[in-house]
C-alpha atoms as a PDB file:
ATOM      1  CA  MET A   1      -8.335  73.337  -8.074  1.00  0.00           C
ATOM      2  CA  ALA A   2      -8.388  75.092  -5.213  1.00  0.00           C
ATOM      3  CA  ALA A   3      -8.795  79.226  -5.666  1.00  0.00           C
ATOM      4  CA  THR A   4      -7.615  82.260  -3.272  1.00  0.00           C
ATOM      5  CA  ILE A   5      -9.290  85.348  -2.045  1.00  0.00           C
ATOM      6  CA  THR A   6      -8.323  88.589  -0.606  1.00  0.00           C
ATOM      7  CA  PHE A   7     -10.530  90.519   1.503  1.00  0.00           C
ATOM      8  CA  PRO A   8     -10.087  93.347   3.950  1.00  0.00           C
ATOM      9  CA  ILE A   9     -10.432  92.739   7.865  1.00  0.00           C
ATOM     10  CA  ASP A  10     -10.076  94.940  10.600  1.00  0.00           C
ATOM     11  CA  THR A  11      -7.128  95.331  12.720  1.00  0.00           C
ATOM     12  CA  PRO A  12      -5.660  97.657  15.363  1.00  0.00           C
ATOM     13  CA  THR A  13      -4.017  99.899  12.681  1.00  0.00           C
ATOM     14  CA  GLY A  14      -7.034 100.032  10.464  1.00  0.00           C
ATOM     15  CA  PRO A  15      -7.987  97.716   7.490  1.00  0.00           C
ATOM     16  CA  GLN A  16      -5.624  94.819   6.146  1.00  0.00           C
ATOM     17  CA  PRO A  17      -5.992  92.325   3.553  1.00  0.00           C
ATOM     18  CA  ALA A  18      -6.537  88.628   4.668  1.00  0.00           C
ATOM     19  CA  ARG A  19      -5.793  85.840   2.187  1.00  0.00           C
ATOM     20  CA  VAL A  20      -7.785  82.570   2.288  1.00  0.00           C
ATOM     21  CA  VAL A  21      -7.360  79.590   0.000  1.00  0.00           C
ATOM     22  CA  TYR A  22     -10.544  77.595  -0.571  1.00  0.00           C
ATOM     23  CA  GLU A  23     -12.190  74.672  -2.477  1.00  0.00           C
ATOM     24  CA  ARG A  24     -15.712  75.011  -3.966  1.00  0.00           C
ATOM     25  CA  ARG A  25     -17.730  72.213  -5.629  1.00  0.00           C
ATOM     26  CA  GLY A  26     -21.346  71.392  -6.385  1.00  0.00           C
ATOM     27  CA  THR A  27     -24.308  73.702  -6.854  1.00  0.00           C
ATOM     28  CA  GLY A  28     -27.470  74.409  -4.316  1.00  0.00           C
ATOM     29  CA  ARG A  29     -27.914  76.016  -1.099  1.00  0.00           C
ATOM     30  CA  PRO A  30     -24.279  77.235   0.205  1.00  0.00           C
ATOM     31  CA  LEU A  31     -22.419  75.010   2.877  1.00  0.00           C
ATOM     32  CA  VAL A  32     -19.179  75.883   4.258  1.00  0.00           C
ATOM     33  CA  LEU A  33     -16.681  73.482   5.766  1.00  0.00           C
ATOM     34  CA  LEU A  34     -14.184  74.349   8.446  1.00  0.00           C
ATOM     35  CA  HIS A  35     -10.861  71.865   9.333  1.00  0.00           C
ATOM     36  CA  GLY A  36      -9.501  71.441  12.996  1.00  0.00           C
ATOM     37  CA  ILE A  37      -6.080  72.741  14.147  1.00  0.00           C
ATOM     38  CA  GLY A  38      -3.232  71.633  12.041  1.00  0.00           C
ATOM     39  CA  HIS A  39      -5.002  70.247   9.518  1.00  0.00           C
ATOM     40  CA  HIS A  40      -6.288  71.721   5.805  1.00  0.00           C
ATOM     41  CA  TRP A  41      -9.434  71.914   3.670  1.00  0.00           C
ATOM     42  CA  GLN A  42      -8.216  68.409   2.199  1.00  0.00           C
ATOM     43  CA  ALA A  43      -9.414  66.850   5.345  1.00  0.00           C
ATOM     44  CA  TRP A  44     -12.916  66.976   3.705  1.00  0.00           C
ATOM     45  CA  GLU A  45     -11.831  65.541   0.766  1.00  0.00           C
ATOM     46  CA  PRO A  46     -13.392  62.005   1.789  1.00  0.00           C
ATOM     47  CA  VAL A  47     -17.005  63.735   1.862  1.00  0.00           C
ATOM     48  CA  LEU A  48     -16.628  66.725  -0.533  1.00  0.00           C
ATOM     49  CA  ASP A  49     -18.003  65.156  -4.120  1.00  0.00           C
ATOM     50  CA  ILE A  50     -20.919  63.530  -1.648  1.00  0.00           C
ATOM     51  CA  LEU A  51     -21.938  66.674  -0.364  1.00  0.00           C
ATOM     52  CA  ALA A  52     -21.700  68.384  -3.717  1.00  0.00           C
ATOM     53  CA  VAL A  53     -24.323  66.416  -5.264  1.00  0.00           C
ATOM     54  CA  GLU A  54     -26.674  68.357  -3.218  1.00  0.00           C
ATOM     55  CA  ARG A  55     -24.997  71.533  -2.285  1.00  0.00           C
ATOM     56  CA  GLU A  56     -22.499  74.156  -3.242  1.00  0.00           C
ATOM     57  CA  VAL A  57     -19.614  73.269  -0.743  1.00  0.00           C
ATOM     58  CA  THR A  58     -16.839  75.502   0.116  1.00  0.00           C
ATOM     59  CA  ALA A  59     -13.956  73.869   2.181  1.00  0.00           C
ATOM     60  CA  VAL A  60     -11.664  76.323   3.879  1.00  0.00           C
ATOM     61  CA  ASP A  61      -8.099  76.766   4.603  1.00  0.00           C
ATOM     62  CA  LEU A  62      -8.541  78.693   7.752  1.00  0.00           C
ATOM     63  CA  PRO A  63      -5.961  81.690   8.472  1.00  0.00           C
ATOM     64  CA  GLY A  64      -2.638  80.260   9.426  1.00  0.00           C
ATOM     65  CA  PHE A  65      -3.220  76.783   8.195  1.00  0.00           C
ATOM     66  CA  GLY A  66      -2.995  74.771   4.843  1.00  0.00           C
ATOM     67  CA  GLU A  67      -2.143  77.036   2.334  1.00  0.00           C
ATOM     68  CA  SER A  68      -3.685  80.308   3.961  1.00  0.00           C
ATOM     69  CA  PRO A  69      -1.191  82.808   5.325  1.00  0.00           C
ATOM     70  CA  ALA A  70      -1.191  84.033   8.840  1.00  0.00           C
ATOM     71  CA  LEU A  71      -3.384  87.012   9.740  1.00  0.00           C
ATOM     72  CA  PRO A  72      -2.224  90.227   9.717  1.00  0.00           C
ATOM     73  CA  ASP A  73      -0.266  91.396  12.991  1.00  0.00           C
ATOM     74  CA  GLY A  74      -2.628  92.577  15.666  1.00  0.00           C
ATOM     75  CA  VAL A  75      -5.527  90.111  14.909  1.00  0.00           C
ATOM     76  CA  GLY A  76      -5.391  87.036  17.144  1.00  0.00           C
ATOM     77  CA  TYR A  77      -6.774  83.304  16.721  1.00  0.00           C
ATOM     78  CA  ASP A  78      -9.309  83.792  19.688  1.00  0.00           C
ATOM     79  CA  LEU A  79     -13.044  83.194  18.673  1.00  0.00           C
ATOM     80  CA  ASP A  80     -13.538  87.133  19.319  1.00  0.00           C
ATOM     81  CA  ASP A  81     -10.955  87.571  16.319  1.00  0.00           C
ATOM     82  CA  MET A  82     -11.735  84.904  14.295  1.00  0.00           C
ATOM     83  CA  ALA A  83     -15.306  85.079  14.092  1.00  0.00           C
ATOM     84  CA  PRO A  84     -15.330  88.709  12.471  1.00  0.00           C
ATOM     85  CA  VAL A  85     -12.528  87.202   9.893  1.00  0.00           C
ATOM     86  CA  LEU A  86     -14.714  84.594   9.051  1.00  0.00           C
ATOM     87  CA  ALA A  87     -17.657  86.917   8.660  1.00  0.00           C
ATOM     88  CA  ALA A  88     -15.658  88.940   6.435  1.00  0.00           C
ATOM     89  CA  LEU A  89     -14.662  85.733   4.292  1.00  0.00           C
ATOM     90  CA  PHE A  90     -18.399  85.176   3.706  1.00  0.00           C
ATOM     91  CA  GLU A  91     -19.074  88.751   2.540  1.00  0.00           C
ATOM     92  CA  ALA A  92     -16.211  88.384   0.120  1.00  0.00           C
ATOM     93  CA  LEU A  93     -17.286  84.948  -1.094  1.00  0.00           C
ATOM     94  CA  ASP A  94     -20.952  86.327  -1.486  1.00  0.00           C
ATOM     95  CA  LEU A  95     -22.446  83.823   1.210  1.00  0.00           C
ATOM     96  CA  ASP A  96     -25.382  84.972   3.094  1.00  0.00           C
ATOM     97  CA  ARG A  97     -25.786  83.062   6.194  1.00  0.00           C
ATOM     98  CA  PRO A  98     -24.526  79.586   4.686  1.00  0.00           C
ATOM     99  CA  ASP A  99     -24.801  76.137   6.463  1.00  0.00           C
ATOM    100  CA  ILE A 100     -21.713  75.385   8.281  1.00  0.00           C
ATOM    101  CA  ALA A 101     -20.005  72.353   9.392  1.00  0.00           C
ATOM    102  CA  GLY A 102     -16.623  72.227  11.415  1.00  0.00           C
ATOM    103  CA  ASN A 103     -14.327  69.520  12.691  1.00  0.00           C
ATOM    104  CA  SER A 104     -12.575  70.139  15.974  1.00  0.00           C
ATOM    105  CA  LEU A 105     -11.403  73.679  15.991  1.00  0.00           C
ATOM    106  CA  GLY A 106     -13.446  74.226  12.961  1.00  0.00           C
ATOM    107  CA  GLY A 107     -16.579  72.764  15.084  1.00  0.00           C
ATOM    108  CA  LEU A 108     -15.836  75.155  17.791  1.00  0.00           C
ATOM    109  CA  LEU A 109     -15.645  78.221  15.093  1.00  0.00           C
ATOM    110  CA  ALA A 110     -18.901  76.833  13.883  1.00  0.00           C
ATOM    111  CA  LEU A 111     -20.712  76.964  17.013  1.00  0.00           C
ATOM    112  CA  GLU A 112     -19.592  80.503  17.707  1.00  0.00           C
ATOM    113  CA  LEU A 113     -20.827  81.656  14.218  1.00  0.00           C
ATOM    114  CA  GLY A 114     -24.264  80.142  14.915  1.00  0.00           C
ATOM    115  CA  ARG A 115     -24.211  81.775  18.143  1.00  0.00           C
ATOM    116  CA  ARG A 116     -23.508  84.915  16.558  1.00  0.00           C
ATOM    117  CA  LYS A 117     -26.490  84.140  14.005  1.00  0.00           C
ATOM    118  CA  LEU A 118     -23.867  84.524  11.081  1.00  0.00           C
ATOM    119  CA  VAL A 119     -24.959  81.160   9.535  1.00  0.00           C
ATOM    120  CA  ARG A 120     -27.889  79.115   8.873  1.00  0.00           C
ATOM    121  CA  SER A 121     -27.341  75.681  10.655  1.00  0.00           C
ATOM    122  CA  VAL A 122     -24.457  74.262  12.432  1.00  0.00           C
ATOM    123  CA  THR A 123     -22.936  70.806  12.356  1.00  0.00           C
ATOM    124  CA  ALA A 124     -20.049  70.645  14.733  1.00  0.00           C
ATOM    125  CA  LEU A 125     -18.221  66.870  14.728  1.00  0.00           C
ATOM    126  CA  ALA A 126     -16.030  66.977  17.770  1.00  0.00           C
ATOM    127  CA  PRO A 127     -16.147  70.651  18.482  1.00  0.00           C
ATOM    128  CA  ALA A 128     -13.377  71.845  21.081  1.00  0.00           C
ATOM    129  CA  ARG A 129     -13.615  73.310  24.297  1.00  0.00           C
ATOM    130  CA  PHE A 130     -16.198  71.045  26.034  1.00  0.00           C
ATOM    131  CA  TRP A 131     -13.490  69.571  28.079  1.00  0.00           C
ATOM    132  CA  ASN A 132     -12.461  69.630  31.504  1.00  0.00           C
ATOM    133  CA  GLU A 133      -8.877  70.883  32.577  1.00  0.00           C
ATOM    134  CA  ALA A 134      -7.667  67.236  32.589  1.00  0.00           C
ATOM    135  CA  GLU A 135      -8.871  66.815  29.321  1.00  0.00           C
ATOM    136  CA  ARG A 136      -7.594  69.673  28.074  1.00  0.00           C
ATOM    137  CA  ARG A 137      -4.204  69.183  28.939  1.00  0.00           C
ATOM    138  CA  TYR A 138      -4.418  65.756  27.414  1.00  0.00           C
ATOM    139  CA  ALA A 139      -5.085  67.107  24.322  1.00  0.00           C
ATOM    140  CA  PHE A 140      -3.023  69.831  24.132  1.00  0.00           C
ATOM    141  CA  GLY A 141      -0.375  67.462  24.855  1.00  0.00           C
ATOM    142  CA  VAL A 142      -1.382  65.119  21.907  1.00  0.00           C
ATOM    143  CA  LEU A 143      -1.816  67.849  19.416  1.00  0.00           C
ATOM    144  CA  THR A 144       1.926  69.358  20.650  1.00  0.00           C
ATOM    145  CA  ALA A 145       3.433  65.638  20.106  1.00  0.00           C
ATOM    146  CA  MET A 146       1.697  65.797  16.843  1.00  0.00           C
ATOM    147  CA  ARG A 147       3.335  69.286  15.788  1.00  0.00           C
ATOM    148  CA  VAL A 148       6.734  68.112  17.169  1.00  0.00           C
ATOM    149  CA  ALA A 149       6.709  64.902  15.256  1.00  0.00           C
ATOM    150  CA  ALA A 150       5.603  66.513  11.876  1.00  0.00           C
ATOM    151  CA  ARG A 151       8.448  68.981  12.255  1.00  0.00           C
ATOM    152  CA  ALA A 152      10.965  66.374  13.374  1.00  0.00           C
ATOM    153  CA  ILE A 153      10.465  63.569  10.584  1.00  0.00           C
ATOM    154  CA  PRO A 154      11.576  64.479   7.120  1.00  0.00           C
ATOM    155  CA  LEU A 155       8.919  64.899   4.523  1.00  0.00           C
ATOM    156  CA  PRO A 156      10.540  62.107   2.325  1.00  0.00           C
ATOM    157  CA  LEU A 157      10.863  59.453   5.240  1.00  0.00           C
ATOM    158  CA  VAL A 158       7.010  60.416   5.719  1.00  0.00           C
ATOM    159  CA  GLY A 159       6.253  59.441   2.380  1.00  0.00           C
ATOM    160  CA  ARG A 160       8.434  56.037   2.583  1.00  0.00           C
ATOM    161  CA  ILE A 161       6.709  55.116   6.118  1.00  0.00           C
ATOM    162  CA  ALA A 162       3.165  55.913   4.587  1.00  0.00           C
ATOM    163  CA  ARG A 163       3.585  53.531   1.694  1.00  0.00           C
ATOM    164  CA  THR A 164       2.203  50.573   3.982  1.00  0.00           C
ATOM    165  CA  ALA A 165      -0.844  50.453   6.120  1.00  0.00           C
ATOM    166  CA  ALA A 166       0.838  49.967   8.949  1.00  0.00           C
ATOM    167  CA  GLY A 167       2.867  53.098   8.520  1.00  0.00           C
ATOM    168  CA  ARG A 168      -0.082  55.289   7.923  1.00  0.00           C
ATOM    169  CA  ALA A 169      -1.419  53.809  11.085  1.00  0.00           C
ATOM    170  CA  ALA A 170       1.621  55.020  13.089  1.00  0.00           C
ATOM    171  CA  LEU A 171       1.766  58.254  11.449  1.00  0.00           C
ATOM    172  CA  THR A 172      -2.435  59.237  11.596  1.00  0.00           C
ATOM    173  CA  GLY A 173      -3.645  56.767  14.129  1.00  0.00           C
ATOM    174  CA  THR A 174      -4.076  59.342  16.698  1.00  0.00           C
ATOM    175  CA  ILE A 175      -6.853  61.269  14.531  1.00  0.00           C
ATOM    176  CA  TYR A 176      -8.412  58.305  12.407  1.00  0.00           C
ATOM    177  CA  ALA A 177      -9.725  55.233  13.388  1.00  0.00           C
ATOM    178  CA  ARG A 178      -9.376  54.001  10.103  1.00  0.00           C
ATOM    179  CA  PRO A 179      -5.771  55.231   8.886  1.00  0.00           C
ATOM    180  CA  GLY A 180      -5.203  52.792   6.675  1.00  0.00           C
ATOM    181  CA  ARG A 181      -7.884  54.208   4.476  1.00  0.00           C
ATOM    182  CA  ARG A 182      -5.854  57.540   3.844  1.00  0.00           C
ATOM    183  CA  SER A 183      -3.413  57.485   0.862  1.00  0.00           C
ATOM    184  CA  ALA A 184       0.377  57.728   1.065  1.00  0.00           C
ATOM    185  CA  GLN A 185      -0.011  61.237  -0.636  1.00  0.00           C
ATOM    186  CA  ALA A 186      -2.642  62.362   1.839  1.00  0.00           C
ATOM    187  CA  VAL A 187      -0.567  61.466   4.850  1.00  0.00           C
ATOM    188  CA  VAL A 188       2.454  63.336   3.351  1.00  0.00           C
ATOM    189  CA  ALA A 189       0.109  66.634   2.790  1.00  0.00           C
ATOM    190  CA  GLU A 190      -1.475  66.342   6.312  1.00  0.00           C
ATOM    191  CA  ALA A 191       2.151  66.326   8.012  1.00  0.00           C
ATOM    192  CA  ARG A 192       3.333  69.224   5.656  1.00  0.00           C
ATOM    193  CA  ALA A 193       0.167  71.171   6.848  1.00  0.00           C
ATOM    194  CA  MET A 194       0.938  70.250  10.431  1.00  0.00           C
ATOM    195  CA  ARG A 195       4.576  71.082  10.156  1.00  0.00           C
ATOM    196  CA  GLU A 196       3.797  74.631   8.324  1.00  0.00           C
ATOM    197  CA  ALA A 197       0.765  75.842  10.332  1.00  0.00           C
ATOM    198  CA  THR A 198       1.765  79.464  11.222  1.00  0.00           C
ATOM    199  CA  GLY A 199      -1.470  79.706  13.341  1.00  0.00           C
ATOM    200  CA  PHE A 200      -0.962  76.709  15.464  1.00  0.00           C
ATOM    201  CA  GLU A 201       0.887  77.899  18.589  1.00  0.00           C
ATOM    202  CA  ALA A 202      -1.576  81.174  18.805  1.00  0.00           C
ATOM    203  CA  THR A 203      -4.394  78.978  18.178  1.00  0.00           C
ATOM    204  CA  LEU A 204      -3.689  76.562  20.752  1.00  0.00           C
ATOM    205  CA  ALA A 205      -2.858  79.337  23.471  1.00  0.00           C
ATOM    206  CA  SER A 206      -6.221  80.974  22.977  1.00  0.00           C
ATOM    207  CA  GLY A 207      -7.797  77.773  24.002  1.00  0.00           C
ATOM    208  CA  ARG A 208      -5.917  77.489  27.587  1.00  0.00           C
ATOM    209  CA  GLY A 209      -8.276  77.876  30.433  1.00  0.00           C
ATOM    210  CA  VAL A 210     -11.327  78.307  28.242  1.00  0.00           C
ATOM    211  CA  VAL A 211     -14.380  76.630  27.399  1.00  0.00           C
ATOM    212  CA  PHE A 212     -17.522  76.978  25.430  1.00  0.00           C
ATOM    213  CA  ALA A 213     -20.198  77.700  27.627  1.00  0.00           C
ATOM    214  CA  ASP A 214     -23.092  79.547  25.810  1.00  0.00           C
ATOM    215  CA  ASP A 215     -26.197  78.163  24.292  1.00  0.00           C
ATOM    216  CA  VAL A 216     -26.501  78.509  20.404  1.00  0.00           C
ATOM    217  CA  PRO A 217     -30.494  79.700  20.446  1.00  0.00           C
ATOM    218  CA  ASP A 218     -32.540  79.944  17.315  1.00  0.00           C
ATOM    219  CA  VAL A 219     -30.084  78.177  14.902  1.00  0.00           C
ATOM    220  CA  PRO A 220     -30.541  74.325  14.438  1.00  0.00           C
ATOM    221  CA  VAL A 221     -27.309  72.828  15.844  1.00  0.00           C
ATOM    222  CA  THR A 222     -26.111  69.056  15.342  1.00  0.00           C
ATOM    223  CA  ILE A 223     -23.108  67.631  17.184  1.00  0.00           C
ATOM    224  CA  GLY A 224     -21.580  64.604  15.926  1.00  0.00           C
ATOM    225  CA  TRP A 225     -18.758  62.595  17.929  1.00  0.00           C
ATOM    226  CA  GLY A 226     -16.769  59.428  17.006  1.00  0.00           C
ATOM    227  CA  THR A 227     -16.913  56.758  19.307  1.00  0.00           C
ATOM    228  CA  ARG A 228     -13.045  56.150  19.019  1.00  0.00           C
ATOM    229  CA  ASP A 229     -12.072  59.727  19.439  1.00  0.00           C
ATOM    230  CA  ARG A 230      -8.632  59.565  20.999  1.00  0.00           C
ATOM    231  CA  VAL A 231      -7.893  63.641  21.189  1.00  0.00           C
ATOM    232  CA  LEU A 232     -11.529  64.974  22.510  1.00  0.00           C
ATOM    233  CA  LEU A 233     -13.035  61.959  24.487  1.00  0.00           C
ATOM    234  CA  PRO A 234     -16.526  61.302  23.385  1.00  0.00           C
ATOM    235  CA  ARG A 235     -17.911  61.972  26.954  1.00  0.00           C
ATOM    236  CA  GLN A 236     -17.424  65.569  25.989  1.00  0.00           C
ATOM    237  CA  GLY A 237     -20.387  65.503  23.620  1.00  0.00           C
ATOM    238  CA  VAL A 238     -22.642  64.968  26.655  1.00  0.00           C
ATOM    239  CA  ARG A 239     -21.251  68.085  28.065  1.00  0.00           C
ATOM    240  CA  ALA A 240     -21.820  69.822  24.835  1.00  0.00           C
ATOM    241  CA  LYS A 241     -25.477  68.586  24.932  1.00  0.00           C
ATOM    242  CA  ARG A 242     -25.812  70.109  28.250  1.00  0.00           C
ATOM    243  CA  THR A 243     -24.418  73.423  26.994  1.00  0.00           C
ATOM    244  CA  ILE A 244     -26.548  73.630  24.154  1.00  0.00           C
ATOM    245  CA  PRO A 245     -29.803  71.628  25.185  1.00  0.00           C
ATOM    246  CA  ALA A 246     -31.444  71.745  21.777  1.00  0.00           C
ATOM    247  CA  ALA A 247     -28.876  70.407  19.900  1.00  0.00           C
ATOM    248  CA  ARG A 248     -29.044  66.980  18.391  1.00  0.00           C
ATOM    249  CA  LEU A 249     -26.247  64.712  19.508  1.00  0.00           C
ATOM    250  CA  VAL A 250     -25.205  61.912  17.187  1.00  0.00           C
ATOM    251  CA  ARG A 251     -22.908  59.264  17.746  1.00  0.00           C
ATOM    252  CA  LEU A 252     -20.541  58.275  14.906  1.00  0.00           C
ATOM    253  CA  PRO A 253     -19.536  54.331  15.385  1.00  0.00           C
ATOM    254  CA  GLY A 254     -16.090  53.512  14.832  1.00  0.00           C
ATOM    255  CA  CYS A 255     -14.991  56.875  14.072  1.00  0.00           C
ATOM    256  CA  GLY A 256     -11.987  58.906  15.034  1.00  0.00           C
ATOM    257  CA  HIS A 257     -11.616  62.360  15.870  1.00  0.00           C
ATOM    258  CA  VAL A 258     -11.581  63.538  12.230  1.00  0.00           C
ATOM    259  CA  PRO A 259     -14.444  61.378  11.223  1.00  0.00           C
ATOM    260  CA  MET A 260     -14.663  62.149   7.474  1.00  0.00           C
ATOM    261  CA  ASN A 261     -12.293  59.812   6.536  1.00  0.00           C
ATOM    262  CA  ASP A 262     -13.503  56.854   8.684  1.00  0.00           C
ATOM    263  CA  ASP A 263     -17.330  56.445   7.519  1.00  0.00           C
ATOM    264  CA  PRO A 264     -17.548  59.438   4.770  1.00  0.00           C
ATOM    265  CA  ALA A 265     -21.143  58.220   3.879  1.00  0.00           C
ATOM    266  CA  LEU A 266     -22.266  58.841   7.630  1.00  0.00           C
ATOM    267  CA  VAL A 267     -20.578  61.868   8.296  1.00  0.00           C
ATOM    268  CA  ALA A 268     -22.013  63.468   4.990  1.00  0.00           C
ATOM    269  CA  ARG A 269     -25.716  62.147   5.935  1.00  0.00           C
ATOM    270  CA  VAL A 270     -25.058  63.672   9.319  1.00  0.00           C
ATOM    271  CA  ILE A 271     -24.124  67.158   7.708  1.00  0.00           C
ATOM    272  CA  LEU A 272     -26.994  67.050   5.308  1.00  0.00           C
ATOM    273  CA  ASP A 273     -29.455  65.866   7.696  1.00  0.00           C
ATOM    274  CA  GLY A 274     -28.430  68.848  10.151  1.00  0.00           C
ATOM    275  CA  SER A 275     -28.497  71.496   7.434  1.00  0.00           C
ATOM    276  CA  ARG A 276     -31.896  70.591   6.034  1.00  0.00           C
END
């Protein structure tokens, strides 16, 4: 059962409370998991129990996503605002430089935390902001279309469509290479997370015209990219490797943009290897 923690963060008007929902399982060295835009901590459900055999795993609903409310007024969703928020969350959860893994937006945040030396190691799965302008516009168009569809289709109808493998493919084939593996219940929950994400527009806007151009020295970095990613095209992994020369670049054969669902065993192995 997910838990909730409230902790103070700095805002232009002084300290204000932020609230984050998280799921914690297992024992061992701490590992934090960050999801992508419009998703929630349950994106990691396929790999959570595998990882929890060896690690204390904390999967987070980022502020403004899942069950975590939006950030206080005056606090943005760009890297300069989000990194201190996540640092404050780690302190509140008594996590001293945990290992971290993130997908898409979560991968970008994980790299930034690595750049700031706030984590012990980074595994970034299809991290954002290694695009060129055409790829950025394409990705934003895909994500915006997903948001519009999630808000337009009533959840009861989503539930009916998701009862079949073909329906799940129609609803989630953009982010999963193997959408039939998702349960109908998970698909409905994902549609709800996308439609109710209070941080969606601000997060998307923060990435307009921005790329990740900094090295992440002195922290082990693994970058994984699904060969069937239809949101952030796999060639962006080559750019990520050029930007972070010491990173280990791993192909995830047959995986889409959210690879945890498509090959849980492979993704768990990549995360565990990258954080050892």
